Amino acid sequence: MKKLIAFTAIAAVLLTACGSTADSGTKPAQTAKEVGSTKTEAGTSAETETTAAAEDNAEPSETEQAEQSETEESTAEGGILVAYFTPAENGVNDAMTSASKVNFWGEDMGNAEAMANVVAAYTGGDLFSIQTVKDYPLEYNDLADDAKAEQNAGELPELSTVVDTSGYDTVFLVYPIWWYTMPQPIYSFLDEYDLSGKTIIPVTTHEGSGLADSVSRIAELEPDAEVKDGYSVSGGNVAGSQEDIENWLKEQGY
């Protein structure tokens, strides 16, 4: 475990704000866990087909060999994980007036979740929701007070969801900016997982501070990872952010 240096929160509340108009698009159907399950089934199917081929003394065709080589090359290059935190999936109520929610692709979801879905859909990455054992209040002022208390205490909330990061070369971290920095659950995630050798790209929703201190903080906690500058969207613009996020991803080579 890496040691997290507790810091004092700067006195300003920067929680995410919601938009009102949904963009059209296709939401990825698989989360990180579902993808793992699918890979297991695919592996079983491939094993069965291979056994059948052996029984029939069948040699793989040139096309099958090329496809196998292409698959192995893709696997060797590693995958993309899109890990996000949103209070909307960690709250004690379902207050749709919460500043952390937005109607996106026809669904009510957290701002960070909406942005994470865009990133995952465009890059083909696997979604993973960072969730905590504790519940967060979704009412704006209560959430702000809770976030400030956590930060002042240097608290690392216990996480309730788990992901195997070993198969990923790139990790997008998507989250709101709270009090000029990352939410404490993101600190918990970085404390729990060793992302050495991976590329980490922060994506934030904010109310004026952009990425805040995200890049430098992540670099401190994951010194052996390559941390990119990332991207940020104002909370009130999340609902209409799909095209801008995709254009940014395209500029990054995705």
Protein backbone atom coordinates (compact mmCIF):
# COMPACT_ATOMS: atom_id res chain seq x y z
CA MET A 1 0.00 0.00 0.00
CA LYS A 2 1.26 3.43 -0.81
CA LYS A 3 0.97 6.05 1.92
CA LEU A 4 -1.45 8.87 1.27
CA ILE A 5 -0.52 12.29 2.67
CA ALA A 6 -3.57 13.89 4.21
CA PHE A 7 -4.24 17.42 3.04
CA THR A 8 -6.49 20.28 4.08
CA ALA A 9 -9.31 21.11 1.69
CA ILE A 10 -9.34 24.55 0.08
CA ALA A 11 -12.48 26.46 0.97
CA ALA A 12 -14.60 26.29 -2.16
CA VAL A 13 -17.22 23.75 -3.19
CA LEU A 14 -16.68 22.26 -6.61
CA LEU A 15 -19.20 19.47 -7.11
CA THR A 16 -20.59 18.47 -10.45
CA ALA A 17 -23.71 20.08 -11.92
CA CYS A 18 -26.27 18.38 -14.11
CA GLY A 19 -27.29 19.07 -17.71
CA SER A 20 -30.73 18.57 -19.17
CA THR A 21 -30.52 17.38 -22.77
CA ALA A 22 -29.45 13.87 -23.73
CA ASP A 23 -27.14 13.11 -26.64
CA SER A 24 -27.89 10.13 -28.85
CA GLY A 25 -25.50 7.20 -28.85
CA THR A 26 -25.03 3.54 -28.07
CA LYS A 27 -24.20 2.77 -24.46
CA PRO A 28 -21.67 -0.03 -23.98
CA ALA A 29 -23.45 -3.16 -22.83
CA GLN A 30 -20.58 -4.63 -20.85
CA THR A 31 -18.98 -3.63 -17.61
CA ALA A 32 -15.51 -4.83 -16.62
CA LYS A 33 -17.00 -7.76 -14.71
CA GLU A 34 -19.32 -8.76 -17.58
CA VAL A 35 -16.43 -8.63 -20.01
CA GLY A 36 -14.49 -11.01 -17.79
CA SER A 37 -17.44 -13.41 -17.79
CA THR A 38 -17.75 -13.16 -21.57
CA LYS A 39 -14.07 -13.88 -22.05
CA THR A 40 -14.43 -17.05 -19.97
CA GLU A 41 -17.33 -18.25 -22.09
CA ALA A 42 -15.43 -17.41 -25.28
CA GLY A 43 -12.43 -19.34 -24.00
CA THR A 44 -14.59 -22.38 -23.28
CA SER A 45 -16.10 -22.18 -26.75
CA ALA A 46 -12.68 -21.91 -28.39
CA GLU A 47 -11.45 -24.92 -26.40
CA THR A 48 -14.44 -26.98 -27.52
CA GLU A 49 -13.91 -26.03 -31.16
CA THR A 50 -10.21 -26.87 -30.93
CA THR A 51 -11.00 -30.30 -29.45
CA ALA A 52 -13.50 -31.00 -32.21
CA ALA A 53 -10.98 -30.00 -34.86
CA ALA A 54 -8.39 -32.30 -33.34
CA GLU A 55 -10.82 -35.21 -33.33
CA ASP A 56 -11.54 -34.62 -37.02
CA ASN A 57 -7.80 -34.26 -37.74
CA ALA A 58 -8.63 -30.86 -39.24
CA GLU A 59 -5.85 -28.36 -39.82
CA PRO A 60 -6.74 -24.65 -39.35
CA SER A 61 -7.06 -22.75 -42.61
CA GLU A 62 -4.82 -19.83 -43.56
CA THR A 63 -7.70 -17.48 -42.75
CA GLU A 64 -8.15 -19.02 -39.30
CA GLN A 65 -4.40 -18.81 -38.67
CA ALA A 66 -4.39 -15.13 -39.66
CA GLU A 67 -7.35 -14.41 -37.38
CA GLN A 68 -5.65 -16.24 -34.50
CA SER A 69 -2.44 -14.26 -35.04
CA GLU A 70 -4.39 -11.00 -35.13
CA THR A 71 -6.20 -11.90 -31.90
CA GLU A 72 -2.95 -12.79 -30.14
CA GLU A 73 -1.40 -9.49 -31.28
CA SER A 74 -4.40 -7.53 -29.99
CA THR A 75 -4.24 -9.33 -26.64
CA ALA A 76 -0.52 -8.66 -26.33
CA GLU A 77 -1.10 -4.94 -26.80
CA GLY A 78 -3.27 -4.85 -23.67
CA GLY A 79 -6.69 -3.36 -23.03
CA ILE A 80 -8.32 -0.18 -21.84
CA LEU A 81 -10.05 0.17 -18.48
CA VAL A 82 -12.44 3.06 -17.90
CA ALA A 83 -12.83 3.34 -14.13
CA TYR A 84 -15.21 5.97 -12.82
CA PHE A 85 -16.62 7.25 -9.56
CA THR A 86 -19.96 8.99 -9.23
CA PRO A 87 -21.90 9.71 -6.03
CA ALA A 88 -25.05 8.87 -7.98
CA GLU A 89 -24.13 5.17 -7.65
CA ASN A 90 -23.00 5.55 -4.06
CA GLY A 91 -25.85 7.58 -2.57
CA VAL A 92 -28.34 7.03 0.22
CA ASN A 93 -31.29 8.18 -1.87
CA ASP A 94 -32.32 8.58 -5.49
CA ALA A 95 -32.69 12.35 -5.54
CA MET A 96 -32.99 13.15 -9.22
CA THR A 97 -32.47 16.83 -8.43
CA SER A 98 -28.95 15.96 -7.32
CA ALA A 99 -26.22 18.04 -8.93
CA SER A 100 -24.40 14.80 -9.64
CA LYS A 101 -26.95 13.43 -12.12
CA VAL A 102 -27.79 14.07 -15.76
CA ASN A 103 -30.16 12.61 -18.32
CA PHE A 104 -27.86 11.04 -20.89
CA TRP A 105 -28.62 8.64 -23.75
CA GLY A 106 -32.16 8.45 -22.41
CA GLU A 107 -31.10 7.39 -18.93
CA ASP A 108 -30.57 9.18 -15.62
CA MET A 109 -26.98 8.63 -14.54
CA GLY A 110 -24.13 10.33 -12.77
CA ASN A 111 -22.14 12.95 -14.67
CA ALA A 112 -18.94 10.93 -14.39
CA GLU A 113 -20.77 7.77 -15.47
CA ALA A 114 -22.06 9.56 -18.58
CA MET A 115 -18.56 10.69 -19.53
CA ALA A 116 -17.12 7.26 -18.79
CA ASN A 117 -19.67 5.67 -21.11
CA VAL A 118 -18.59 7.96 -23.94
CA VAL A 119 -14.93 7.10 -23.38
CA ALA A 120 -15.64 3.37 -23.19
CA ALA A 121 -17.87 3.37 -26.27
CA TYR A 122 -15.34 5.28 -28.36
CA THR A 123 -12.20 3.40 -27.25
CA GLY A 124 -13.74 -0.04 -26.81
CA GLY A 125 -12.65 0.02 -23.16
CA ASP A 126 -14.18 -1.89 -20.26
CA LEU A 127 -16.28 0.06 -17.76
CA PHE A 128 -15.67 -0.30 -14.04
CA SER A 129 -17.66 1.55 -11.37
CA ILE A 130 -15.61 2.48 -8.29
CA GLN A 131 -18.07 2.04 -5.43
CA THR A 132 -17.71 2.45 -1.69
CA VAL A 133 -18.99 0.60 1.34
CA LYS A 134 -20.21 3.89 2.81
CA ASP A 135 -23.14 5.80 1.35
CA TYR A 136 -22.86 9.44 0.30
CA PRO A 137 -25.66 11.97 0.69
CA LEU A 138 -26.86 13.18 -2.71
CA GLU A 139 -28.24 16.53 -1.57
CA TYR A 140 -25.73 19.16 -2.72
CA ASN A 141 -24.84 20.85 0.57
CA ASP A 142 -24.75 17.60 2.54
CA LEU A 143 -22.50 16.01 -0.07
CA ALA A 144 -20.20 19.03 -0.02
CA ASP A 145 -19.91 18.87 3.78
CA ASP A 146 -19.27 15.12 3.69
CA ALA A 147 -16.57 15.50 1.03
CA LYS A 148 -14.86 18.27 2.99
CA ALA A 149 -14.87 16.22 6.20
CA GLU A 150 -13.34 13.23 4.38
CA GLN A 151 -10.60 15.34 2.89
CA ASN A 152 -9.78 17.13 6.12
CA ALA A 153 -9.42 13.77 7.84
CA GLY A 154 -7.44 12.22 4.96
CA GLU A 155 -9.98 9.39 4.97
CA LEU A 156 -9.69 6.55 2.49
CA PRO A 157 -13.22 5.11 2.09
CA GLU A 158 -13.34 1.33 1.82
CA LEU A 159 -14.18 0.17 -1.70
CA SER A 160 -16.90 -2.42 -2.33
CA THR A 161 -16.10 -3.21 -5.98
CA VAL A 162 -13.00 -5.00 -7.26
CA VAL A 163 -11.32 -5.19 -10.67
CA ASP A 164 -8.31 -7.08 -12.00
CA THR A 165 -6.14 -4.39 -13.60
CA SER A 166 -3.40 -6.75 -14.81
CA GLY A 167 -4.78 -7.04 -18.35
CA TYR A 168 -4.92 -3.30 -19.00
CA ASP A 169 -2.22 -1.04 -20.36
CA THR A 170 -4.33 2.13 -20.21
CA VAL A 171 -6.59 3.30 -17.39
CA PHE A 172 -8.97 6.23 -17.84
CA LEU A 173 -10.00 7.62 -14.44
CA VAL A 174 -13.27 9.55 -14.59
CA TYR A 175 -14.58 11.51 -11.60
CA PRO A 176 -15.93 14.85 -10.36
CA ILE A 177 -13.66 17.46 -8.79
CA TRP A 178 -14.47 18.00 -5.11
CA TRP A 179 -12.88 20.86 -3.25
CA TYR A 180 -10.21 21.40 -5.90
CA THR A 181 -9.08 17.79 -5.95
CA MET A 182 -10.17 14.21 -6.58
CA PRO A 183 -12.87 12.57 -4.44
CA GLN A 184 -11.42 10.46 -1.64
CA PRO A 185 -12.68 7.20 -3.26
CA ILE A 186 -10.31 7.90 -6.15
CA TYR A 187 -7.49 8.19 -3.64
CA SER A 188 -8.65 4.84 -2.23
CA PHE A 189 -8.54 3.30 -5.69
CA LEU A 190 -5.02 4.59 -6.34
CA ASP A 191 -3.91 3.42 -2.91
CA GLU A 192 -5.32 -0.05 -3.48
CA TYR A 193 -4.10 -0.72 -7.03
CA ASP A 194 -0.55 -0.67 -8.34
CA LEU A 195 -0.75 0.82 -11.83
CA SER A 196 2.98 0.75 -12.49
CA GLY A 197 3.84 0.61 -16.18
CA LYS A 198 0.37 1.68 -17.25
CA THR A 199 -0.84 4.91 -18.85
CA ILE A 200 -3.31 6.81 -16.66
CA ILE A 201 -5.57 9.44 -18.19
CA PRO A 202 -7.78 11.54 -15.86
CA VAL A 203 -11.13 12.82 -17.11
CA THR A 204 -13.03 15.17 -14.82
CA THR A 205 -16.26 17.06 -14.46
CA HIS A 206 -15.91 20.34 -12.61
CA GLU A 207 -17.34 23.75 -11.79
CA GLY A 208 -14.41 25.94 -12.74
CA SER A 209 -11.22 24.17 -11.73
CA GLY A 210 -10.74 21.83 -14.70
CA LEU A 211 -8.45 18.97 -13.72
CA ALA A 212 -7.46 20.80 -10.52
CA ASP A 213 -4.46 18.98 -8.97
CA SER A 214 -5.43 15.59 -10.46
CA VAL A 215 -2.42 15.07 -12.69
CA SER A 216 0.16 15.88 -10.01
CA ARG A 217 -1.65 13.89 -7.31
CA ILE A 218 -1.98 10.80 -9.49
CA ALA A 219 1.69 11.08 -10.45
CA GLU A 220 2.63 11.18 -6.75
CA LEU A 221 0.56 8.10 -5.95
CA GLU A 222 1.52 6.13 -9.07
CA PRO A 223 5.15 7.20 -9.68
CA ASP A 224 5.88 4.31 -12.04
CA ALA A 225 2.92 5.03 -14.33
CA GLU A 226 2.73 7.48 -17.22
CA VAL A 227 0.15 10.11 -16.28
CA LYS A 228 -1.36 12.15 -19.12
CA ASP A 229 -2.77 15.67 -18.83
CA GLY A 230 -6.31 14.41 -19.37
CA TYR A 231 -9.55 16.20 -20.16
CA SER A 232 -12.26 18.07 -18.25
CA VAL A 233 -15.87 19.10 -18.85
CA SER A 234 -17.88 21.67 -16.93
CA GLY A 235 -20.68 19.98 -15.01
CA GLY A 236 -23.39 21.96 -16.76
CA ASN A 237 -22.06 20.87 -20.17
CA VAL A 238 -21.90 17.13 -19.58
CA ALA A 239 -25.21 16.43 -21.36
CA GLY A 240 -23.85 17.87 -24.60
CA SER A 241 -20.26 16.73 -24.22
CA GLN A 242 -20.19 13.55 -26.32
CA GLU A 243 -18.84 15.07 -29.52
CA ASP A 244 -16.19 17.12 -27.70
CA ILE A 245 -14.99 14.07 -25.73
CA GLU A 246 -14.83 11.98 -28.89
CA ASN A 247 -12.89 14.70 -30.73
CA TRP A 248 -10.41 14.85 -27.85
CA LEU A 249 -10.04 11.06 -27.88
CA LYS A 250 -9.42 11.17 -31.61
CA GLU A 251 -6.67 13.74 -31.06
CA GLN A 252 -5.10 11.32 -28.56
CA GLY A 253 -4.91 8.65 -31.23
CA TYR A 254 -7.95 6.56 -30.29
